[in-house]
C-alpha atoms as a PDB file:
ATOM      1  CA  UNK A   1     -63.275 181.861-230.931  1.00  0.00           C
ATOM      2  CA  UNK A   2     -60.299 180.632-228.074  1.00  0.00           C
ATOM      3  CA  UNK A   3     -59.114 177.002-228.106  1.00  0.00           C
ATOM      4  CA  UNK A   4     -61.981 176.136-225.307  1.00  0.00           C
ATOM      5  CA  UNK A   5     -64.642 176.974-227.909  1.00  0.00           C
ATOM      6  CA  UNK A   6     -62.659 174.542-230.923  1.00  0.00           C
ATOM      7  CA  UNK A   7     -62.207 172.116-228.540  1.00  0.00           C
ATOM      8  CA  UNK A   8     -66.163 172.070-227.549  1.00  0.00           C
ATOM      9  CA  UNK A   9     -65.477 172.061-223.758  1.00  0.00           C
ATOM     10  CA  UNK A  10     -65.656 174.363-220.834  1.00  0.00           C
ATOM     11  CA  UNK A  11     -62.157 175.930-219.302  1.00  0.00           C
ATOM     12  CA  UNK A  12     -60.370 172.956-217.608  1.00  0.00           C
ATOM     13  CA  UNK A  13     -57.125 172.176-216.068  1.00  0.00           C
ATOM     14  CA  UNK A  14     -57.867 168.176-217.062  1.00  0.00           C
ATOM     15  CA  UNK A  15     -55.827 167.104-219.558  1.00  0.00           C
ATOM     16  CA  UNK A  16     -57.036 163.912-219.631  1.00  0.00           C
ATOM     17  CA  UNK A  17     -60.514 165.404-220.528  1.00  0.00           C
ATOM     18  CA  UNK A  18     -59.062 167.555-223.077  1.00  0.00           C
ATOM     19  CA  UNK A  19     -57.125 165.020-224.817  1.00  0.00           C
ATOM     20  CA  UNK A  20     -60.639 163.527-225.052  1.00  0.00           C
ATOM     21  CA  UNK A  21     -62.205 166.360-226.563  1.00  0.00           C
ATOM     22  CA  UNK A  22     -59.467 166.471-229.092  1.00  0.00           C
ATOM     23  CA  UNK A  23     -59.790 162.993-230.144  1.00  0.00           C
ATOM     24  CA  UNK A  24     -63.466 163.214-230.531  1.00  0.00           C
ATOM     25  CA  UNK A  25     -63.086 165.884-232.411  1.00  0.00           C
ATOM     26  CA  UNK A  26     -60.052 164.931-234.712  1.00  0.00           C
ATOM     27  CA  UNK A  27     -62.506 162.019-235.968  1.00  0.00           C
ATOM     28  CA  UNK A  28     -64.423 164.098-237.982  1.00  0.00           C
ATOM     29  CA  UNK A  29     -62.165 167.118-238.458  1.00  0.00           C
ATOM     30  CA  UNK A  30     -61.164 168.275-241.938  1.00  0.00           C
ATOM     31  CA  UNK A  31     -57.607 169.293-242.984  1.00  0.00           C
ATOM     32  CA  UNK A  32     -57.897 173.193-241.959  1.00  0.00           C
ATOM     33  CA  UNK A  33     -59.859 171.906-238.783  1.00  0.00           C
ATOM     34  CA  UNK A  34     -57.180 169.359-237.801  1.00  0.00           C
ATOM     35  CA  UNK A  35     -54.666 172.156-237.781  1.00  0.00           C
ATOM     36  CA  UNK A  36     -57.484 174.641-235.903  1.00  0.00           C
ATOM     37  CA  UNK A  37     -57.341 171.558-233.243  1.00  0.00           C
ATOM     38  CA  UNK A  38     -54.151 171.065-232.555  1.00  0.00           C
ATOM     39  CA  UNK A  39     -53.715 174.440-232.088  1.00  0.00           C
ATOM     40  CA  UNK A  40     -56.056 174.650-229.392  1.00  0.00           C
ATOM     41  CA  UNK A  41     -55.106 171.794-227.732  1.00  0.00           C
ATOM     42  CA  UNK A  42     -51.224 173.244-227.266  1.00  0.00           C
ATOM     43  CA  UNK A  43     -53.218 176.069-225.872  1.00  0.00           C
ATOM     44  CA  UNK A  44     -55.237 174.563-223.836  1.00  0.00           C
ATOM     45  CA  UNK A  45     -52.650 172.111-222.498  1.00  0.00           C
ATOM     46  CA  UNK A  46     -50.138 175.249-221.714  1.00  0.00           C
ATOM     47  CA  UNK A  47     -47.967 173.963-224.517  1.00  0.00           C
ATOM     48  CA  UNK A  48     -48.277 177.023-227.185  1.00  0.00           C
ATOM     49  CA  UNK A  49     -48.252 180.473-226.070  1.00  0.00           C
ATOM     50  CA  UNK A  50     -52.069 181.528-225.888  1.00  0.00           C
ATOM     51  CA  UNK A  51     -53.011 184.341-228.649  1.00  0.00           C
ATOM     52  CA  UNK A  52     -54.438 186.586-225.467  1.00  0.00           C
ATOM     53  CA  UNK A  53     -50.564 187.524-224.141  1.00  0.00           C
ATOM     54  CA  UNK A  54     -49.666 190.900-224.641  1.00  0.00           C
ATOM     55  CA  UNK A  55     -47.090 190.950-227.594  1.00  0.00           C
ATOM     56  CA  UNK A  56     -44.665 192.498-225.297  1.00  0.00           C
ATOM     57  CA  UNK A  57     -43.672 189.418-224.226  1.00  0.00           C
ATOM     58  CA  UNK A  58     -40.548 188.138-225.437  1.00  0.00           C
ATOM     59  CA  UNK A  59     -40.886 185.276-228.244  1.00  0.00           C
ATOM     60  CA  UNK A  60     -38.163 183.308-227.298  1.00  0.00           C
ATOM     61  CA  UNK A  61     -39.270 182.386-224.156  1.00  0.00           C
ATOM     62  CA  UNK A  62     -38.783 178.200-224.241  1.00  0.00           C
ATOM     63  CA  UNK A  63     -41.723 176.151-224.083  1.00  0.00           C
ATOM     64  CA  UNK A  64     -42.010 173.090-221.934  1.00  0.00           C
ATOM     65  CA  UNK A  65     -40.510 170.121-222.959  1.00  0.00           C
ATOM     66  CA  UNK A  66     -43.063 167.231-222.532  1.00  0.00           C
ATOM     67  CA  UNK A  67     -43.213 163.539-223.551  1.00  0.00           C
ATOM     68  CA  UNK A  68     -44.579 162.093-226.770  1.00  0.00           C
ATOM     69  CA  UNK A  69     -47.133 160.251-224.671  1.00  0.00           C
ATOM     70  CA  UNK A  70     -48.602 163.246-223.430  1.00  0.00           C
ATOM     71  CA  UNK A  71     -48.750 165.608-226.768  1.00  0.00           C
ATOM     72  CA  UNK A  72     -50.739 164.223-229.640  1.00  0.00           C
ATOM     73  CA  UNK A  73     -49.099 166.554-231.873  1.00  0.00           C
ATOM     74  CA  UNK A  74     -46.133 166.122-233.789  1.00  0.00           C
ATOM     75  CA  UNK A  75     -43.088 169.172-233.408  1.00  0.00           C
ATOM     76  CA  UNK A  76     -44.275 170.446-236.967  1.00  0.00           C
ATOM     77  CA  UNK A  77     -47.787 170.376-238.192  1.00  0.00           C
ATOM     78  CA  UNK A  78     -48.703 167.883-240.569  1.00  0.00           C
ATOM     79  CA  UNK A  79     -49.947 168.694-244.044  1.00  0.00           C
ATOM     80  CA  UNK A  80     -53.201 167.538-245.979  1.00  0.00           C
ATOM     81  CA  UNK A  81     -51.660 164.216-246.869  1.00  0.00           C
ATOM     82  CA  UNK A  82     -50.192 163.160-244.109  1.00  0.00           C
ATOM     83  CA  UNK A  83     -53.003 163.905-242.062  1.00  0.00           C
ATOM     84  CA  UNK A  84     -55.268 162.022-244.768  1.00  0.00           C
ATOM     85  CA  UNK A  85     -52.488 158.851-244.482  1.00  0.00           C
ATOM     86  CA  UNK A  86     -53.104 159.205-240.238  1.00  0.00           C
ATOM     87  CA  UNK A  87     -56.946 159.210-240.896  1.00  0.00           C
ATOM     88  CA  UNK A  88     -57.177 156.423-243.300  1.00  0.00           C
ATOM     89  CA  UNK A  89     -54.933 154.091-240.846  1.00  0.00           C
ATOM     90  CA  UNK A  90     -57.189 155.140-237.883  1.00  0.00           C
ATOM     91  CA  UNK A  91     -60.475 153.910-239.866  1.00  0.00           C
ATOM     92  CA  UNK A  92     -59.002 150.766-240.980  1.00  0.00           C
ATOM     93  CA  UNK A  93     -57.512 149.927-237.240  1.00  0.00           C
ATOM     94  CA  UNK A  94     -61.454 150.915-235.567  1.00  0.00           C
ATOM     95  CA  UNK A  95     -62.715 148.094-238.543  1.00  0.00           C
ATOM     96  CA  UNK A  96     -60.286 145.672-237.201  1.00  0.00           C
ATOM     97  CA  UNK A  97     -61.162 145.976-233.807  1.00  0.00           C
ATOM     98  CA  UNK A  98     -64.775 145.276-234.986  1.00  0.00           C
ATOM     99  CA  UNK A  99     -63.708 142.001-236.030  1.00  0.00           C
ATOM    100  CA  UNK A 100     -62.781 139.936-233.426  1.00  0.00           C
ATOM    101  CA  UNK A 101     -61.525 137.282-235.751  1.00  0.00           C
ATOM    102  CA  UNK A 102     -58.951 139.284-237.906  1.00  0.00           C
ATOM    103  CA  UNK A 103     -57.518 141.299-234.774  1.00  0.00           C
ATOM    104  CA  UNK A 104     -56.072 138.463-233.738  1.00  0.00           C
ATOM    105  CA  UNK A 105     -53.493 137.765-236.544  1.00  0.00           C
ATOM    106  CA  UNK A 106     -50.519 139.956-235.938  1.00  0.00           C
ATOM    107  CA  UNK A 107     -49.822 139.987-239.415  1.00  0.00           C
ATOM    108  CA  UNK A 108     -52.731 141.978-239.860  1.00  0.00           C
ATOM    109  CA  UNK A 109     -51.997 144.818-237.605  1.00  0.00           C
ATOM    110  CA  UNK A 110     -48.557 145.124-239.503  1.00  0.00           C
ATOM    111  CA  UNK A 111     -49.497 144.837-242.611  1.00  0.00           C
ATOM    112  CA  UNK A 112     -51.892 148.091-241.216  1.00  0.00           C
ATOM    113  CA  UNK A 113     -49.374 149.752-239.321  1.00  0.00           C
ATOM    114  CA  UNK A 114     -46.246 148.943-241.291  1.00  0.00           C
ATOM    115  CA  UNK A 115     -47.335 150.242-245.029  1.00  0.00           C
ATOM    116  CA  UNK A 116     -45.204 153.161-246.076  1.00  0.00           C
ATOM    117  CA  UNK A 117     -45.833 155.603-245.416  1.00  0.00           C
ATOM    118  CA  UNK A 118     -47.627 155.500-242.433  1.00  0.00           C
ATOM    119  CA  UNK A 119     -44.469 154.107-240.881  1.00  0.00           C
ATOM    120  CA  UNK A 120     -42.674 157.354-240.324  1.00  0.00           C
ATOM    121  CA  UNK A 121     -42.201 158.138-236.710  1.00  0.00           C
ATOM    122  CA  UNK A 122     -44.103 161.683-237.281  1.00  0.00           C
ATOM    123  CA  UNK A 123     -47.245 160.024-238.682  1.00  0.00           C
ATOM    124  CA  UNK A 124     -46.640 156.613-236.173  1.00  0.00           C
ATOM    125  CA  UNK A 125     -46.412 159.066-233.227  1.00  0.00           C
ATOM    126  CA  UNK A 126     -50.039 160.937-234.925  1.00  0.00           C
ATOM    127  CA  UNK A 127     -51.629 157.512-235.028  1.00  0.00           C
ATOM    128  CA  UNK A 128     -50.302 156.110-231.642  1.00  0.00           C
ATOM    129  CA  UNK A 129     -51.909 159.537-229.966  1.00  0.00           C
ATOM    130  CA  UNK A 130     -55.179 158.742-231.470  1.00  0.00           C
ATOM    131  CA  UNK A 131     -54.969 155.171-230.897  1.00  0.00           C
ATOM    132  CA  UNK A 132     -53.751 155.558-227.270  1.00  0.00           C
ATOM    133  CA  UNK A 133     -56.598 155.819-225.402  1.00  0.00           C
ATOM    134  CA  UNK A 134     -58.511 152.922-227.036  1.00  0.00           C
ATOM    135  CA  UNK A 135     -55.901 150.269-228.079  1.00  0.00           C
ATOM    136  CA  UNK A 136     -53.424 150.777-225.371  1.00  0.00           C
ATOM    137  CA  UNK A 137     -55.884 149.324-222.578  1.00  0.00           C
ATOM    138  CA  UNK A 138     -56.290 146.489-224.493  1.00  0.00           C
ATOM    139  CA  UNK A 139     -53.176 145.560-225.109  1.00  0.00           C
ATOM    140  CA  UNK A 140     -51.900 145.534-221.454  1.00  0.00           C
ATOM    141  CA  UNK A 141     -54.902 143.849-220.133  1.00  0.00           C
ATOM    142  CA  UNK A 142     -54.815 140.457-222.085  1.00  0.00           C
ATOM    143  CA  UNK A 143     -57.638 141.674-224.683  1.00  0.00           C
ATOM    144  CA  UNK A 144     -54.935 140.606-227.893  1.00  0.00           C
ATOM    145  CA  UNK A 145     -52.776 137.523-228.383  1.00  0.00           C
ATOM    146  CA  UNK A 146     -49.052 138.382-226.600  1.00  0.00           C
ATOM    147  CA  UNK A 147     -47.812 138.709-230.293  1.00  0.00           C
ATOM    148  CA  UNK A 148     -49.726 141.343-230.935  1.00  0.00           C
ATOM    149  CA  UNK A 149     -49.497 142.980-227.652  1.00  0.00           C
ATOM    150  CA  UNK A 150     -46.095 142.907-228.188  1.00  0.00           C
ATOM    151  CA  UNK A 151     -45.861 144.097-231.685  1.00  0.00           C
ATOM    152  CA  UNK A 152     -48.125 147.286-230.688  1.00  0.00           C
ATOM    153  CA  UNK A 153     -45.703 148.074-227.830  1.00  0.00           C
ATOM    154  CA  UNK A 154     -42.962 148.093-229.708  1.00  0.00           C
ATOM    155  CA  UNK A 155     -44.105 150.035-232.660  1.00  0.00           C
ATOM    156  CA  UNK A 156     -45.597 152.868-230.712  1.00  0.00           C
ATOM    157  CA  UNK A 157     -43.390 152.908-227.708  1.00  0.00           C
ATOM    158  CA  UNK A 158     -45.839 151.695-225.185  1.00  0.00           C
ATOM    159  CA  UNK A 159     -43.403 150.828-222.372  1.00  0.00           C
ATOM    160  CA  UNK A 160     -46.598 149.826-220.267  1.00  0.00           C
ATOM    161  CA  UNK A 161     -47.675 147.143-222.895  1.00  0.00           C
ATOM    162  CA  UNK A 162     -44.185 145.609-223.737  1.00  0.00           C
ATOM    163  CA  UNK A 163     -43.725 145.214-219.805  1.00  0.00           C
ATOM    164  CA  UNK A 164     -46.964 143.783-219.372  1.00  0.00           C
ATOM    165  CA  UNK A 165     -46.117 141.298-222.144  1.00  0.00           C
ATOM    166  CA  UNK A 166     -42.364 140.362-221.786  1.00  0.00           C
ATOM    167  CA  UNK A 167     -41.117 138.421-224.452  1.00  0.00           C
ATOM    168  CA  UNK A 168     -40.873 134.628-223.260  1.00  0.00           C
ATOM    169  CA  UNK A 169     -37.449 133.418-222.070  1.00  0.00           C
ATOM    170  CA  UNK A 170     -36.955 129.779-223.289  1.00  0.00           C
ATOM    171  CA  UNK A 171     -34.251 129.375-220.793  1.00  0.00           C
ATOM    172  CA  UNK A 172     -36.956 129.338-218.036  1.00  0.00           C
ATOM    173  CA  UNK A 173     -38.354 125.954-220.271  1.00  0.00           C
ATOM    174  CA  UNK A 174     -35.303 123.458-220.883  1.00  0.00           C
ATOM    175  CA  UNK A 175     -37.546 120.643-219.091  1.00  0.00           C
ATOM    176  CA  UNK A 176     -40.524 120.424-221.724  1.00  0.00           C
ATOM    177  CA  UNK A 177     -38.169 119.573-224.972  1.00  0.00           C
ATOM    178  CA  UNK A 178     -36.062 116.715-222.015  1.00  0.00           C
ATOM    179  CA  UNK A 179     -39.776 115.666-221.501  1.00  0.00           C
ATOM    180  CA  UNK A 180     -40.783 114.833-224.940  1.00  0.00           C
ATOM    181  CA  UNK A 181     -37.565 113.256-225.845  1.00  0.00           C
ATOM    182  CA  UNK A 182     -37.835 110.779-222.779  1.00  0.00           C
ATOM    183  CA  UNK A 183     -41.486 110.220-223.373  1.00  0.00           C
ATOM    184  CA  UNK A 184     -40.118 109.184-227.219  1.00  0.00           C
ATOM    185  CA  UNK A 185     -37.419 107.215-225.657  1.00  0.00           C
ATOM    186  CA  UNK A 186     -39.371 104.962-223.030  1.00  0.00           C
ATOM    187  CA  UNK A 187     -41.782 104.228-225.864  1.00  0.00           C
ATOM    188  CA  UNK A 188     -38.633 102.782-227.421  1.00  0.00           C
ATOM    189  CA  UNK A 189     -37.676 100.897-224.684  1.00  0.00           C
ATOM    190  CA  UNK A 190     -40.810  99.231-224.024  1.00  0.00           C
ATOM    191  CA  UNK A 191     -40.441  95.736-225.156  1.00  0.00           C
ATOM    192  CA  UNK A 192     -43.238  94.483-227.902  1.00  0.00           C
ATOM    193  CA  UNK A 193     -46.443  93.629-226.343  1.00  0.00           C
ATOM    194  CA  UNK A 194     -47.563  89.703-226.158  1.00  0.00           C
ATOM    195  CA  UNK A 195     -49.370  88.529-228.875  1.00  0.00           C
ATOM    196  CA  UNK A 196     -52.754  87.214-228.078  1.00  0.00           C
ATOM    197  CA  UNK A 197     -52.155  83.260-227.621  1.00  0.00           C
ATOM    198  CA  UNK A 198     -55.469  81.651-227.367  1.00  0.00           C
ATOM    199  CA  UNK A 199     -56.149  80.963-231.109  1.00  0.00           C
ATOM    200  CA  UNK A 200     -52.986  78.914-230.506  1.00  0.00           C
ATOM    201  CA  UNK A 201     -53.689  77.376-227.126  1.00  0.00           C
ATOM    202  CA  UNK A 202     -57.454  76.426-228.779  1.00  0.00           C
ATOM    203  CA  UNK A 203     -55.423  74.893-232.004  1.00  0.00           C
ATOM    204  CA  UNK A 204     -53.106  72.680-230.103  1.00  0.00           C
ATOM    205  CA  UNK A 205     -56.302  71.315-228.200  1.00  0.00           C
ATOM    206  CA  UNK A 206     -58.008  70.704-231.034  1.00  0.00           C
ATOM    207  CA  UNK A 207     -55.083  68.998-232.755  1.00  0.00           C
ATOM    208  CA  UNK A 208     -54.437  67.075-229.572  1.00  0.00           C
ATOM    209  CA  UNK A 209     -58.292  65.570-229.325  1.00  0.00           C
ATOM    210  CA  UNK A 210     -58.243  64.648-232.968  1.00  0.00           C
ATOM    211  CA  UNK A 211     -54.720  62.516-232.691  1.00  0.00           C
ATOM    212  CA  UNK A 212     -56.405  61.023-229.577  1.00  0.00           C
ATOM    213  CA  UNK A 213     -59.791  59.999-231.287  1.00  0.00           C
ATOM    214  CA  UNK A 214     -57.366  58.299-234.092  1.00  0.00           C
ATOM    215  CA  UNK A 215     -55.493  56.798-231.887  1.00  0.00           C
ATOM    216  CA  UNK A 216     -58.349  55.750-229.667  1.00  0.00           C
ATOM    217  CA  UNK A 217     -59.845  53.985-232.841  1.00  0.00           C
ATOM    218  CA  UNK A 218     -56.854  52.335-233.876  1.00  0.00           C
ATOM    219  CA  UNK A 219     -56.489  50.547-230.783  1.00  0.00           C
ATOM    220  CA  UNK A 220     -60.619  49.560-230.644  1.00  0.00           C
ATOM    221  CA  UNK A 221     -60.084  47.724-233.854  1.00  0.00           C
END
């Protein structure tokens, strides 16, 4: 069985197609199958020498260096325990993506992704590679609140996410605080509102009428 049979696709040079096949197969792979899938991915993308090559080929031939974002595998194969940890984190994240309310809370993301030993760099890279196809576009296009997107960009070293969600510079908005202070001062400087004087006027009129009646009565007598 060659690498294409393991990945379940026809031979292709399309790296994205190979990556999608790898990620799809990894969802349900056992520990043994996961190791076979990683080797198949390496062969399919040219990251490892194929088993079909002649044995006389020098084994010391250097492998091409690739960026971490292009290779879902780590430099050393993960053992069964690490693979299980990665699988559990992926399950939790996908459950979180189905909860529109909880996925807005950056503390929940941190609780899932920063829990040891999932915070170790080899595991973080593996988790990032498996979540990248689904989570990275959401972090770039505003599907998450800015704190969540910034955390994901920093945690997984997704520089495009960091660029799409820069930290706000408070120096650019000094007038907001000044406006609040000025509004408070203006309210404090305003003179007290004049009390309603109509009851007092009516009282005076009634009092004058009573006095006029009294004096009128006295004059008539």
